[in-house]
Amino acid sequence: MPHTTINGFSMHYELHGPADAEPLVLVHGYTGDITDWRHQLAEFSRTHRVLIMDHRGHGASEAPADRASYAMTQMADDVEALIAHAGFERYHLLGHSMGGAVAQEIALRSPGRLISLTLHDTGHRFDFGGNEVIAKFIEQRNRLADEKGMAAVVALPKLIKPPPHMPAYREAASPARFISSATALCRSTAASCARTAEMLPGNRWPKSASAHFSKTT
């Protein structure tokens, strides 16, 4: 399980595929980890040098205590630093869900580094506070995370049903994955995703990066 120190924390990552192949960076979403890519990895690594990682506070990576360090801008710093550690100059970038917000931040900063940009099940804004029901649920969840930890959050009644395409094994594994995530994540993600909405009015993408939108089937 390779780790390296990135921005002051130990980050877990893996490299797959031929060392001389075109680089592909896969960025997972909220409470995910590198196992999110297990069904795609064999195929992608036949033709690409694939970099996968666990974000700070996720999977086997270290969980810094500072809540402010879980901003999307900081996570983008982490991913770009890891990409530099891997030695990639230009690369394909794919972000899923929250990882799509991280990928958009990277695209805004470093459009010339991207061969392509793929955004999967994500958006340019993660602002849920406008819905009163969701806002109350999020505040309740945040208080529980602070006072009793992530296991108490998992025990809350579900606000929405899981998507119909989610495999049963994935749904069964979700509670353990959430519990293993850093408590600080609960309050950090939604507020810190707004930058992409502000920076990309009308979804104007960096001209040097082609944006592909994919949907889970």
N, C-alpha and C. Protein backbone atom coordinates (compact mmCIF):
# COMPACT_ATOMS: atom_id res chain seq x y z
N MET A 1 0.85 -1.19 0.00
CA MET A 1 0.00 0.00 0.00
C MET A 1 0.88 1.24 0.00
N PRO A 2 1.22 1.79 -1.17
CA PRO A 2 2.11 2.95 -1.22
C PRO A 2 1.50 4.18 -0.54
N HIS A 3 2.29 4.88 0.24
CA HIS A 3 1.94 6.16 0.83
C HIS A 3 3.05 7.14 0.54
N THR A 4 2.69 8.41 0.48
CA THR A 4 3.69 9.46 0.43
C THR A 4 3.16 10.65 1.20
N THR A 5 4.06 11.48 1.70
CA THR A 5 3.64 12.66 2.44
C THR A 5 3.30 13.77 1.47
N ILE A 6 2.04 14.21 1.51
CA ILE A 6 1.53 15.26 0.63
C ILE A 6 0.94 16.35 1.51
N ASN A 7 1.46 17.55 1.42
CA ASN A 7 0.91 18.69 2.17
C ASN A 7 0.72 18.37 3.64
N GLY A 8 1.69 17.66 4.21
CA GLY A 8 1.70 17.42 5.64
C GLY A 8 0.92 16.22 6.14
N PHE A 9 0.35 15.40 5.26
CA PHE A 9 -0.34 14.19 5.70
C PHE A 9 0.08 13.01 4.82
N SER A 10 -0.15 11.82 5.33
CA SER A 10 0.21 10.60 4.60
C SER A 10 -0.93 10.22 3.66
N MET A 11 -0.63 10.22 2.36
CA MET A 11 -1.66 9.97 1.34
C MET A 11 -1.43 8.61 0.70
N HIS A 12 -2.48 7.81 0.67
CA HIS A 12 -2.44 6.49 0.06
C HIS A 12 -2.77 6.60 -1.42
N TYR A 13 -1.99 5.90 -2.24
CA TYR A 13 -2.22 5.94 -3.68
C TYR A 13 -1.74 4.65 -4.32
N GLU A 14 -2.12 4.43 -5.57
CA GLU A 14 -1.63 3.31 -6.35
C GLU A 14 -1.42 3.75 -7.79
N LEU A 15 -0.46 3.14 -8.45
CA LEU A 15 -0.20 3.34 -9.88
C LEU A 15 -0.37 2.00 -10.58
N HIS A 16 -1.06 2.01 -11.70
CA HIS A 16 -1.31 0.79 -12.47
C HIS A 16 -1.06 1.07 -13.94
N GLY A 17 -0.71 0.03 -14.67
CA GLY A 17 -0.54 0.14 -16.10
C GLY A 17 0.90 0.40 -16.52
N PRO A 18 1.16 0.38 -17.84
CA PRO A 18 2.52 0.56 -18.35
C PRO A 18 3.09 1.92 -17.95
N ALA A 19 4.34 1.92 -17.53
CA ALA A 19 4.97 3.15 -17.06
C ALA A 19 5.07 4.21 -18.15
N ASP A 20 5.12 3.77 -19.42
CA ASP A 20 5.27 4.72 -20.53
C ASP A 20 3.95 5.06 -21.20
N ALA A 21 2.82 4.60 -20.64
CA ALA A 21 1.51 4.87 -21.25
C ALA A 21 1.02 6.26 -20.87
N GLU A 22 0.02 6.74 -21.61
CA GLU A 22 -0.56 8.06 -21.35
C GLU A 22 -1.22 8.07 -19.97
N PRO A 23 -0.94 9.09 -19.15
CA PRO A 23 -1.46 9.10 -17.78
C PRO A 23 -2.96 9.37 -17.70
N LEU A 24 -3.60 8.72 -16.73
CA LEU A 24 -5.01 8.91 -16.42
C LEU A 24 -5.13 9.00 -14.90
N VAL A 25 -5.74 10.08 -14.41
CA VAL A 25 -5.90 10.31 -12.97
C VAL A 25 -7.38 10.18 -12.63
N LEU A 26 -7.71 9.30 -11.69
CA LEU A 26 -9.09 9.05 -11.27
C LEU A 26 -9.28 9.59 -9.86
N VAL A 27 -10.28 10.46 -9.66
CA VAL A 27 -10.49 11.15 -8.39
C VAL A 27 -11.85 10.75 -7.84
N HIS A 28 -11.85 10.05 -6.71
CA HIS A 28 -13.10 9.52 -6.15
C HIS A 28 -13.90 10.58 -5.41
N GLY A 29 -15.12 10.21 -5.03
CA GLY A 29 -16.04 11.14 -4.40
C GLY A 29 -16.09 11.04 -2.89
N TYR A 30 -17.07 11.72 -2.31
CA TYR A 30 -17.28 11.84 -0.87
C TYR A 30 -17.45 10.48 -0.22
N THR A 31 -16.68 10.20 0.80
CA THR A 31 -16.63 8.94 1.56
C THR A 31 -16.24 7.75 0.69
N GLY A 32 -15.67 7.99 -0.48
CA GLY A 32 -15.18 6.91 -1.32
C GLY A 32 -13.74 6.56 -1.01
N ASP A 33 -13.14 5.75 -1.87
CA ASP A 33 -11.73 5.42 -1.76
C ASP A 33 -11.29 4.77 -3.07
N ILE A 34 -10.07 4.24 -3.11
CA ILE A 34 -9.56 3.71 -4.37
C ILE A 34 -10.35 2.51 -4.86
N THR A 35 -11.08 1.83 -3.99
CA THR A 35 -11.84 0.67 -4.45
C THR A 35 -13.01 1.07 -5.33
N ASP A 36 -13.34 2.37 -5.37
CA ASP A 36 -14.40 2.83 -6.28
C ASP A 36 -14.10 2.47 -7.73
N TRP A 37 -12.84 2.29 -8.05
CA TRP A 37 -12.42 2.09 -9.45
C TRP A 37 -12.12 0.63 -9.77
N ARG A 38 -12.48 -0.30 -8.89
CA ARG A 38 -12.03 -1.68 -9.08
C ARG A 38 -12.59 -2.31 -10.35
N HIS A 39 -13.77 -1.89 -10.79
CA HIS A 39 -14.34 -2.47 -12.00
C HIS A 39 -13.76 -1.86 -13.27
N GLN A 40 -13.24 -0.64 -13.18
CA GLN A 40 -12.68 0.03 -14.36
C GLN A 40 -11.16 -0.16 -14.50
N LEU A 41 -10.51 -0.49 -13.39
CA LEU A 41 -9.06 -0.42 -13.35
C LEU A 41 -8.39 -1.37 -14.34
N ALA A 42 -8.87 -2.59 -14.44
CA ALA A 42 -8.24 -3.56 -15.34
C ALA A 42 -8.28 -3.08 -16.78
N GLU A 43 -9.41 -2.53 -17.18
CA GLU A 43 -9.55 -2.06 -18.57
C GLU A 43 -8.71 -0.80 -18.81
N PHE A 44 -8.84 0.18 -17.92
CA PHE A 44 -8.11 1.44 -18.12
C PHE A 44 -6.60 1.23 -18.10
N SER A 45 -6.13 0.32 -17.24
CA SER A 45 -4.68 0.15 -17.09
C SER A 45 -4.06 -0.66 -18.22
N ARG A 46 -4.87 -1.20 -19.10
CA ARG A 46 -4.29 -1.86 -20.30
C ARG A 46 -3.63 -0.84 -21.21
N THR A 47 -4.20 0.36 -21.26
CA THR A 47 -3.75 1.35 -22.24
C THR A 47 -3.24 2.64 -21.61
N HIS A 48 -3.38 2.79 -20.29
CA HIS A 48 -3.00 4.03 -19.62
C HIS A 48 -2.22 3.75 -18.33
N ARG A 49 -1.41 4.71 -17.92
CA ARG A 49 -0.78 4.70 -16.62
C ARG A 49 -1.77 5.35 -15.66
N VAL A 50 -2.40 4.57 -14.80
CA VAL A 50 -3.53 5.04 -14.01
C VAL A 50 -3.08 5.36 -12.58
N LEU A 51 -3.40 6.56 -12.13
CA LEU A 51 -3.13 6.99 -10.76
C LEU A 51 -4.45 7.09 -10.01
N ILE A 52 -4.57 6.35 -8.89
CA ILE A 52 -5.73 6.45 -8.03
C ILE A 52 -5.24 6.76 -6.62
N MET A 53 -6.09 7.37 -5.82
CA MET A 53 -5.67 7.79 -4.48
C MET A 53 -6.87 7.83 -3.54
N ASP A 54 -6.58 7.85 -2.24
CA ASP A 54 -7.58 8.15 -1.21
C ASP A 54 -7.38 9.60 -0.78
N HIS A 55 -8.44 10.41 -0.86
CA HIS A 55 -8.35 11.78 -0.36
C HIS A 55 -7.99 11.80 1.12
N ARG A 56 -7.53 12.94 1.60
CA ARG A 56 -7.36 13.12 3.04
C ARG A 56 -8.67 12.77 3.76
N GLY A 57 -8.55 12.03 4.86
CA GLY A 57 -9.73 11.66 5.62
C GLY A 57 -10.54 10.52 5.02
N HIS A 58 -10.03 9.89 3.98
CA HIS A 58 -10.72 8.80 3.31
C HIS A 58 -9.82 7.57 3.24
N GLY A 59 -10.45 6.40 3.21
CA GLY A 59 -9.71 5.17 2.96
C GLY A 59 -8.51 5.00 3.87
N ALA A 60 -7.36 4.69 3.26
CA ALA A 60 -6.14 4.44 4.02
C ALA A 60 -5.27 5.68 4.18
N SER A 61 -5.74 6.83 3.72
CA SER A 61 -5.00 8.07 3.91
C SER A 61 -5.21 8.61 5.32
N GLU A 62 -4.26 9.43 5.75
CA GLU A 62 -4.35 10.05 7.06
C GLU A 62 -5.48 11.07 7.10
N ALA A 63 -6.04 11.30 8.28
CA ALA A 63 -7.15 12.25 8.45
C ALA A 63 -6.70 13.42 9.31
N PRO A 64 -6.27 14.53 8.70
CA PRO A 64 -5.89 15.70 9.49
C PRO A 64 -7.05 16.19 10.36
N ALA A 65 -6.74 16.70 11.53
CA ALA A 65 -7.79 17.15 12.46
C ALA A 65 -8.40 18.48 12.05
N ASP A 66 -7.68 19.30 11.31
CA ASP A 66 -8.14 20.64 10.96
C ASP A 66 -9.28 20.55 9.95
N ARG A 67 -10.48 20.94 10.38
CA ARG A 67 -11.65 20.86 9.51
C ARG A 67 -11.49 21.71 8.25
N ALA A 68 -10.84 22.85 8.38
CA ALA A 68 -10.69 23.74 7.22
C ALA A 68 -9.85 23.11 6.12
N SER A 69 -9.07 22.10 6.46
CA SER A 69 -8.18 21.50 5.46
C SER A 69 -8.91 20.57 4.50
N TYR A 70 -10.23 20.41 4.69
CA TYR A 70 -10.99 19.52 3.81
C TYR A 70 -11.72 20.29 2.70
N ALA A 71 -11.32 21.51 2.46
CA ALA A 71 -11.90 22.29 1.36
C ALA A 71 -11.51 21.68 0.01
N MET A 72 -12.37 21.90 -1.00
CA MET A 72 -12.07 21.37 -2.33
C MET A 72 -10.76 21.93 -2.87
N THR A 73 -10.49 23.19 -2.56
CA THR A 73 -9.23 23.79 -3.03
C THR A 73 -8.03 23.05 -2.44
N GLN A 74 -8.13 22.66 -1.17
CA GLN A 74 -7.04 21.92 -0.55
C GLN A 74 -6.92 20.51 -1.13
N MET A 75 -8.05 19.86 -1.37
CA MET A 75 -8.01 18.53 -1.96
C MET A 75 -7.44 18.59 -3.38
N ALA A 76 -7.73 19.67 -4.10
CA ALA A 76 -7.12 19.84 -5.42
C ALA A 76 -5.61 20.02 -5.29
N ASP A 77 -5.17 20.77 -4.27
CA ASP A 77 -3.73 20.88 -4.00
C ASP A 77 -3.12 19.50 -3.79
N ASP A 78 -3.81 18.67 -3.01
CA ASP A 78 -3.30 17.33 -2.71
C ASP A 78 -3.15 16.51 -3.99
N VAL A 79 -4.19 16.51 -4.81
CA VAL A 79 -4.16 15.70 -6.03
C VAL A 79 -3.07 16.19 -6.97
N GLU A 80 -2.96 17.50 -7.13
CA GLU A 80 -1.92 18.03 -8.02
C GLU A 80 -0.52 17.70 -7.50
N ALA A 81 -0.34 17.76 -6.19
CA ALA A 81 0.96 17.40 -5.61
C ALA A 81 1.26 15.93 -5.83
N LEU A 82 0.24 15.07 -5.72
CA LEU A 82 0.44 13.65 -5.96
C LEU A 82 0.75 13.38 -7.43
N ILE A 83 0.09 14.11 -8.31
CA ILE A 83 0.37 13.98 -9.75
C ILE A 83 1.82 14.34 -10.03
N ALA A 84 2.30 15.41 -9.40
CA ALA A 84 3.71 15.79 -9.56
C ALA A 84 4.62 14.69 -9.02
N HIS A 85 4.24 14.10 -7.88
CA HIS A 85 5.02 13.00 -7.30
C HIS A 85 5.09 11.82 -8.27
N ALA A 86 4.00 11.57 -9.00
CA ALA A 86 3.96 10.47 -9.97
C ALA A 86 4.74 10.80 -11.24
N GLY A 87 5.07 12.07 -11.43
CA GLY A 87 5.87 12.47 -12.59
C GLY A 87 5.08 12.73 -13.85
N PHE A 88 3.77 12.99 -13.73
CA PHE A 88 2.95 13.25 -14.91
C PHE A 88 3.07 14.71 -15.34
N GLU A 89 3.30 14.94 -16.61
CA GLU A 89 3.30 16.30 -17.15
C GLU A 89 1.90 16.68 -17.62
N ARG A 90 1.35 15.87 -18.54
CA ARG A 90 -0.02 16.07 -19.00
C ARG A 90 -0.77 14.77 -18.80
N TYR A 91 -2.09 14.86 -18.60
CA TYR A 91 -2.82 13.67 -18.19
C TYR A 91 -4.31 13.84 -18.46
N HIS A 92 -4.99 12.72 -18.57
CA HIS A 92 -6.45 12.69 -18.57
C HIS A 92 -6.90 12.76 -17.12
N LEU A 93 -7.98 13.50 -16.85
CA LEU A 93 -8.47 13.67 -15.49
C LEU A 93 -9.95 13.32 -15.45
N LEU A 94 -10.31 12.41 -14.53
CA LEU A 94 -11.71 12.02 -14.34
C LEU A 94 -12.06 12.20 -12.86
N GLY A 95 -13.15 12.92 -12.59
CA GLY A 95 -13.61 13.11 -11.23
C GLY A 95 -15.04 12.65 -11.07
N HIS A 96 -15.29 11.89 -9.99
CA HIS A 96 -16.63 11.38 -9.70
C HIS A 96 -17.22 12.11 -8.49
N SER A 97 -18.45 12.61 -8.62
CA SER A 97 -19.19 13.23 -7.52
C SER A 97 -18.34 14.36 -6.90
N MET A 98 -18.04 14.29 -5.60
CA MET A 98 -17.19 15.31 -4.99
C MET A 98 -15.85 15.41 -5.71
N GLY A 99 -15.35 14.28 -6.20
CA GLY A 99 -14.12 14.29 -6.98
C GLY A 99 -14.25 15.10 -8.25
N GLY A 100 -15.50 15.25 -8.74
CA GLY A 100 -15.72 16.11 -9.90
C GLY A 100 -15.49 17.57 -9.56
N ALA A 101 -15.84 17.97 -8.32
CA ALA A 101 -15.55 19.34 -7.88
C ALA A 101 -14.04 19.56 -7.78
N VAL A 102 -13.33 18.55 -7.26
CA VAL A 102 -11.87 18.63 -7.20
C VAL A 102 -11.29 18.73 -8.61
N ALA A 103 -11.80 17.91 -9.52
CA ALA A 103 -11.31 17.93 -10.90
C ALA A 103 -11.57 19.28 -11.57
N GLN A 104 -12.73 19.89 -11.29
CA GLN A 104 -13.02 21.20 -11.87
C GLN A 104 -12.06 22.26 -11.35
N GLU A 105 -11.74 22.18 -10.07
CA GLU A 105 -10.77 23.12 -9.49
C GLU A 105 -9.42 22.98 -10.18
N ILE A 106 -8.99 21.74 -10.42
CA ILE A 106 -7.73 21.51 -11.11
C ILE A 106 -7.79 22.04 -12.53
N ALA A 107 -8.93 21.83 -13.20
CA ALA A 107 -9.08 22.32 -14.58
C ALA A 107 -9.00 23.84 -14.65
N LEU A 108 -9.55 24.52 -13.63
CA LEU A 108 -9.48 25.98 -13.60
C LEU A 108 -8.05 26.47 -13.42
N ARG A 109 -7.28 25.76 -12.62
CA ARG A 109 -5.91 26.18 -12.33
C ARG A 109 -4.93 25.80 -13.42
N SER A 110 -5.09 24.59 -13.94
CA SER A 110 -4.05 24.00 -14.78
C SER A 110 -4.62 23.44 -16.07
N PRO A 111 -5.37 24.24 -16.82
CA PRO A 111 -6.01 23.70 -18.04
C PRO A 111 -5.01 23.16 -19.05
N GLY A 112 -3.83 23.74 -19.10
CA GLY A 112 -2.83 23.29 -20.06
C GLY A 112 -2.25 21.93 -19.76
N ARG A 113 -2.47 21.45 -18.53
CA ARG A 113 -1.94 20.14 -18.15
C ARG A 113 -2.89 19.00 -18.56
N LEU A 114 -4.15 19.36 -18.85
CA LEU A 114 -5.15 18.32 -19.08
C LEU A 114 -5.23 17.93 -20.55
N ILE A 115 -5.18 16.63 -20.80
CA ILE A 115 -5.46 16.10 -22.15
C ILE A 115 -6.97 16.04 -22.33
N SER A 116 -7.67 15.62 -21.28
CA SER A 116 -9.14 15.62 -21.29
C SER A 116 -9.64 15.74 -19.86
N LEU A 117 -10.88 16.17 -19.74
CA LEU A 117 -11.55 16.29 -18.44
C LEU A 117 -12.87 15.54 -18.53
N THR A 118 -13.07 14.57 -17.65
CA THR A 118 -14.32 13.81 -17.60
C THR A 118 -14.96 14.00 -16.24
N LEU A 119 -16.20 14.46 -16.22
CA LEU A 119 -16.95 14.70 -14.98
C LEU A 119 -18.09 13.71 -14.91
N HIS A 120 -18.08 12.90 -13.84
CA HIS A 120 -18.99 11.77 -13.73
C HIS A 120 -19.89 11.95 -12.51
N ASP A 121 -21.22 12.03 -12.76
CA ASP A 121 -22.20 12.17 -11.67
C ASP A 121 -21.82 13.30 -10.72
N THR A 122 -21.65 14.48 -11.25
CA THR A 122 -21.22 15.62 -10.44
C THR A 122 -21.92 16.88 -10.93
N GLY A 123 -21.50 18.01 -10.46
CA GLY A 123 -22.08 19.27 -10.89
C GLY A 123 -21.13 20.41 -10.58
N HIS A 124 -21.52 21.63 -10.97
CA HIS A 124 -20.66 22.78 -10.73
C HIS A 124 -21.01 23.48 -9.42
N ARG A 125 -22.04 23.00 -8.71
CA ARG A 125 -22.41 23.58 -7.43
C ARG A 125 -22.93 22.47 -6.51
N PHE A 126 -22.47 22.49 -5.26
CA PHE A 126 -22.92 21.53 -4.25
C PHE A 126 -23.53 22.32 -3.09
N ASP A 127 -24.51 23.14 -3.39
CA ASP A 127 -25.12 24.00 -2.38
C ASP A 127 -26.50 23.46 -2.06
N PHE A 128 -26.62 22.71 -0.94
CA PHE A 128 -27.88 22.08 -0.58
C PHE A 128 -28.66 22.89 0.45
N GLY A 129 -28.11 24.01 0.91
CA GLY A 129 -28.74 24.76 1.98
C GLY A 129 -30.02 25.46 1.58
N GLY A 130 -30.29 25.59 0.28
CA GLY A 130 -31.50 26.26 -0.17
C GLY A 130 -32.76 25.46 0.06
N ASN A 131 -32.62 24.16 0.29
CA ASN A 131 -33.76 23.30 0.56
C ASN A 131 -33.87 23.14 2.08
N GLU A 132 -34.99 23.59 2.66
CA GLU A 132 -35.12 23.64 4.12
C GLU A 132 -35.00 22.25 4.75
N VAL A 133 -35.62 21.25 4.14
CA VAL A 133 -35.58 19.89 4.69
C VAL A 133 -34.14 19.37 4.69
N ILE A 134 -33.45 19.56 3.56
CA ILE A 134 -32.08 19.08 3.46
C ILE A 134 -31.17 19.87 4.40
N ALA A 135 -31.41 21.19 4.49
CA ALA A 135 -30.57 22.02 5.37
C ALA A 135 -30.69 21.55 6.83
N LYS A 136 -31.92 21.24 7.28
CA LYS A 136 -32.10 20.75 8.65
C LYS A 136 -31.42 19.40 8.86
N PHE A 137 -31.54 18.53 7.86
CA PHE A 137 -30.91 17.22 7.95
C PHE A 137 -29.39 17.36 8.04
N ILE A 138 -28.82 18.25 7.23
CA ILE A 138 -27.37 18.44 7.24
C ILE A 138 -26.91 18.99 8.58
N GLU A 139 -27.66 19.93 9.15
CA GLU A 139 -27.27 20.48 10.44
C GLU A 139 -27.34 19.42 11.54
N GLN A 140 -28.38 18.59 11.50
CA GLN A 140 -28.49 17.49 12.46
C GLN A 140 -27.32 16.53 12.30
N ARG A 141 -26.99 16.22 11.07
CA ARG A 141 -25.88 15.32 10.79
C ARG A 141 -24.56 15.90 11.29
N ASN A 142 -24.37 17.19 11.07
CA ASN A 142 -23.14 17.84 11.50
C ASN A 142 -22.99 17.81 13.02
N ARG A 143 -24.08 18.09 13.74
CA ARG A 143 -24.03 18.06 15.21
C ARG A 143 -23.69 16.66 15.71
N LEU A 144 -24.32 15.65 15.12
CA LEU A 144 -24.06 14.28 15.52
C LEU A 144 -22.60 13.89 15.27
N ALA A 145 -22.08 14.31 14.10
CA ALA A 145 -20.68 13.99 13.79
C ALA A 145 -19.75 14.61 14.81
N ASP A 146 -20.03 15.86 15.19
CA ASP A 146 -19.19 16.54 16.18
C ASP A 146 -19.28 15.88 17.55
N GLU A 147 -20.49 15.49 17.95
CA GLU A 147 -20.72 15.03 19.32
C GLU A 147 -20.50 13.53 19.50
N LYS A 148 -20.85 12.73 18.47
CA LYS A 148 -20.85 11.28 18.66
C LYS A 148 -20.09 10.52 17.58
N GLY A 149 -19.60 11.22 16.55
CA GLY A 149 -18.82 10.54 15.52
C GLY A 149 -19.66 10.08 14.35
N MET A 150 -18.98 9.52 13.35
CA MET A 150 -19.62 9.19 12.08
C MET A 150 -20.58 8.00 12.20
N ALA A 151 -20.35 7.10 13.19
CA ALA A 151 -21.26 5.97 13.35
C ALA A 151 -22.67 6.45 13.67
N ALA A 152 -22.78 7.51 14.45
CA ALA A 152 -24.09 8.07 14.78
C ALA A 152 -24.75 8.68 13.55
N VAL A 153 -23.96 9.25 12.66
CA VAL A 153 -24.50 9.80 11.42
C VAL A 153 -25.07 8.69 10.55
N VAL A 154 -24.35 7.59 10.46
CA VAL A 154 -24.81 6.46 9.65
C VAL A 154 -26.14 5.92 10.15
N ALA A 155 -26.36 5.99 11.46
CA ALA A 155 -27.59 5.45 12.06
C ALA A 155 -28.81 6.33 11.81
N LEU A 156 -28.63 7.54 11.31
CA LEU A 156 -29.77 8.41 11.01
C LEU A 156 -30.65 7.79 9.93
N PRO A 157 -31.97 8.04 9.98
CA PRO A 157 -32.83 7.60 8.87
C PRO A 157 -32.37 8.24 7.57
N LYS A 158 -32.45 7.49 6.50
CA LYS A 158 -32.00 7.99 5.20
C LYS A 158 -32.97 9.05 4.67
N LEU A 159 -32.41 10.16 4.20
CA LEU A 159 -33.25 11.22 3.64
C LEU A 159 -33.75 10.85 2.25
N ILE A 160 -32.91 10.17 1.49
CA ILE A 160 -33.29 9.72 0.15
C ILE A 160 -32.88 8.27 -0.01
N LYS A 161 -33.53 7.59 -0.90
CA LYS A 161 -33.19 6.19 -1.19
C LYS A 161 -31.92 6.15 -2.04
N PRO A 162 -31.15 5.06 -1.94
CA PRO A 162 -30.00 4.92 -2.83
C PRO A 162 -30.46 4.82 -4.28
N PRO A 163 -29.64 5.22 -5.24
CA PRO A 163 -30.05 5.14 -6.65
C PRO A 163 -30.32 3.71 -7.06
N PRO A 164 -31.25 3.51 -7.99
CA PRO A 164 -31.64 2.14 -8.37
C PRO A 164 -30.52 1.33 -9.00
N HIS A 165 -29.51 2.02 -9.54
CA HIS A 165 -28.42 1.28 -10.19
C HIS A 165 -27.35 0.84 -9.20
N MET A 166 -27.45 1.23 -7.92
CA MET A 166 -26.41 0.87 -6.96
C MET A 166 -26.48 -0.62 -6.64
N PRO A 167 -25.37 -1.35 -6.84
CA PRO A 167 -25.39 -2.79 -6.53
C PRO A 167 -25.59 -3.01 -5.04
N ALA A 168 -26.19 -4.14 -4.69
CA ALA A 168 -26.48 -4.44 -3.30
C ALA A 168 -25.21 -4.51 -2.45
N TYR A 169 -24.12 -5.05 -3.02
CA TYR A 169 -22.88 -5.16 -2.24
C TYR A 169 -22.32 -3.77 -1.93
N ARG A 170 -22.54 -2.83 -2.85
CA ARG A 170 -22.03 -1.48 -2.63
C ARG A 170 -22.82 -0.78 -1.53
N GLU A 171 -24.14 -0.94 -1.58
CA GLU A 171 -24.98 -0.34 -0.55
C GLU A 171 -24.65 -0.93 0.82
N ALA A 172 -24.40 -2.24 0.86
CA ALA A 172 -24.08 -2.90 2.13
C ALA A 172 -22.75 -2.40 2.70
N ALA A 173 -21.83 -2.04 1.82
CA ALA A 173 -20.51 -1.58 2.27
C ALA A 173 -20.49 -0.11 2.65
N SER A 174 -21.52 0.64 2.27
CA SER A 174 -21.50 2.08 2.46
C SER A 174 -21.38 2.52 3.92
N PRO A 175 -22.11 1.90 4.87
CA PRO A 175 -21.98 2.37 6.26
C PRO A 175 -20.55 2.30 6.79
N ALA A 176 -19.85 1.19 6.54
CA ALA A 176 -18.48 1.05 7.03
C ALA A 176 -17.56 2.08 6.39
N ARG A 177 -17.77 2.36 5.11
CA ARG A 177 -16.94 3.35 4.42
C ARG A 177 -17.18 4.74 5.00
N PHE A 178 -18.43 5.05 5.29
CA PHE A 178 -18.75 6.37 5.85
C PHE A 178 -18.16 6.51 7.25
N ILE A 179 -18.30 5.47 8.06
CA ILE A 179 -17.78 5.51 9.43
C ILE A 179 -16.27 5.71 9.44
N SER A 180 -15.58 5.13 8.45
CA SER A 180 -14.12 5.23 8.42
C SER A 180 -13.64 6.60 7.95
N SER A 181 -14.55 7.43 7.42
CA SER A 181 -14.17 8.74 6.92
C SER A 181 -14.01 9.72 8.08
N ALA A 182 -13.27 10.78 7.84
CA ALA A 182 -13.00 11.77 8.88
C ALA A 182 -14.27 12.53 9.27
N THR A 183 -14.48 12.72 10.57
CA THR A 183 -15.63 13.49 11.06
C THR A 183 -15.66 14.88 10.45
N ALA A 184 -14.49 15.47 10.24
CA ALA A 184 -14.41 16.84 9.72
C ALA A 184 -15.04 16.97 8.34
N LEU A 185 -15.18 15.86 7.61
CA LEU A 185 -15.76 15.93 6.28
C LEU A 185 -17.19 16.44 6.30
N CYS A 186 -17.93 16.14 7.37
CA CYS A 186 -19.36 16.47 7.40
C CYS A 186 -19.60 17.96 7.16
N ARG A 187 -18.78 18.81 7.76
CA ARG A 187 -19.02 20.25 7.64
C ARG A 187 -18.22 20.91 6.53
N SER A 188 -17.42 20.15 5.83
CA SER A 188 -16.45 20.81 4.95
C SER A 188 -16.85 20.87 3.49
N THR A 189 -17.60 19.88 3.00
CA THR A 189 -17.66 19.71 1.56
C THR A 189 -18.60 20.68 0.84
N ALA A 190 -19.85 20.80 1.31
CA ALA A 190 -20.83 21.58 0.55
C ALA A 190 -20.41 23.03 0.38
N ALA A 191 -19.98 23.65 1.46
CA ALA A 191 -19.64 25.07 1.40
C ALA A 191 -18.42 25.32 0.53
N SER A 192 -17.52 24.36 0.47
CA SER A 192 -16.27 24.60 -0.24
C SER A 192 -16.34 24.25 -1.71
N CYS A 193 -17.50 23.79 -2.19
CA CYS A 193 -17.63 23.44 -3.59
C CYS A 193 -18.15 24.60 -4.44
N ALA A 194 -18.46 25.73 -3.82
CA ALA A 194 -19.11 26.82 -4.56
C ALA A 194 -18.19 27.51 -5.55
N ARG A 195 -16.88 27.40 -5.38
CA ARG A 195 -15.95 28.13 -6.23
C ARG A 195 -16.14 27.82 -7.71
N THR A 196 -16.41 26.55 -8.04
CA THR A 196 -16.56 26.21 -9.44
C THR A 196 -17.77 26.90 -10.05
N ALA A 197 -18.85 27.04 -9.27
CA ALA A 197 -20.02 27.74 -9.78
C ALA A 197 -19.71 29.21 -10.04
N GLU A 198 -18.90 29.81 -9.16
CA GLU A 198 -18.55 31.21 -9.32
C GLU A 198 -17.58 31.42 -10.49
N MET A 199 -16.68 30.48 -10.68
CA MET A 199 -15.63 30.64 -11.68
C MET A 199 -16.07 30.21 -13.07
N LEU A 200 -17.15 29.43 -13.15
CA LEU A 200 -17.57 28.90 -14.44
C LEU A 200 -19.00 29.32 -14.78
N PRO A 201 -19.28 30.63 -14.88
CA PRO A 201 -20.64 31.05 -15.21
C PRO A 201 -21.05 30.51 -16.57
N GLY A 202 -22.23 29.94 -16.64
CA GLY A 202 -22.69 29.37 -17.90
C GLY A 202 -21.92 28.14 -18.30
N ASN A 203 -21.22 27.48 -17.34
CA ASN A 203 -20.45 26.29 -17.63
C ASN A 203 -19.44 26.51 -18.75
N ARG A 204 -18.70 27.62 -18.69
CA ARG A 204 -17.64 27.88 -19.68
C ARG A 204 -16.39 27.15 -19.22
N TRP A 205 -15.98 26.16 -19.98
CA TRP A 205 -14.86 25.31 -19.59
C TRP A 205 -13.56 25.84 -20.16
N PRO A 206 -12.44 25.55 -19.51
CA PRO A 206 -11.15 25.94 -20.06
C PRO A 206 -10.99 25.42 -21.47
N LYS A 207 -10.57 26.29 -22.38
CA LYS A 207 -10.54 25.93 -23.79
C LYS A 207 -9.57 24.80 -24.11
N SER A 208 -8.53 24.67 -23.31
CA SER A 208 -7.54 23.64 -23.63
C SER A 208 -7.90 22.27 -23.06
N ALA A 209 -9.03 22.17 -22.37
CA ALA A 209 -9.47 20.88 -21.84
C ALA A 209 -10.84 20.55 -22.41
N SER A 210 -10.99 19.35 -22.93
CA SER A 210 -12.28 18.94 -23.42
C SER A 210 -13.05 18.31 -22.28
N ALA A 211 -14.29 18.69 -22.10
CA ALA A 211 -15.08 18.19 -20.96
C ALA A 211 -16.07 17.14 -21.46
N HIS A 212 -16.05 15.99 -20.84
CA HIS A 212 -16.98 14.91 -21.18
C HIS A 212 -17.85 14.66 -19.96
N PHE A 213 -19.14 14.47 -20.18
CA PHE A 213 -20.06 14.21 -19.07
C PHE A 213 -20.59 12.80 -19.20
N SER A 214 -20.41 12.00 -18.17
CA SER A 214 -20.88 10.62 -18.22
C SER A 214 -21.87 10.39 -17.10
N LYS A 215 -22.71 9.40 -17.28
CA LYS A 215 -23.78 9.11 -16.32
C LYS A 215 -23.74 7.63 -15.97
N THR A 216 -23.89 7.31 -14.71
CA THR A 216 -23.86 5.93 -14.29
C THR A 216 -25.04 5.17 -14.90
N THR A 217 -24.77 3.96 -15.38
CA THR A 217 -25.83 3.12 -15.93
C THR A 217 -25.92 1.84 -15.16
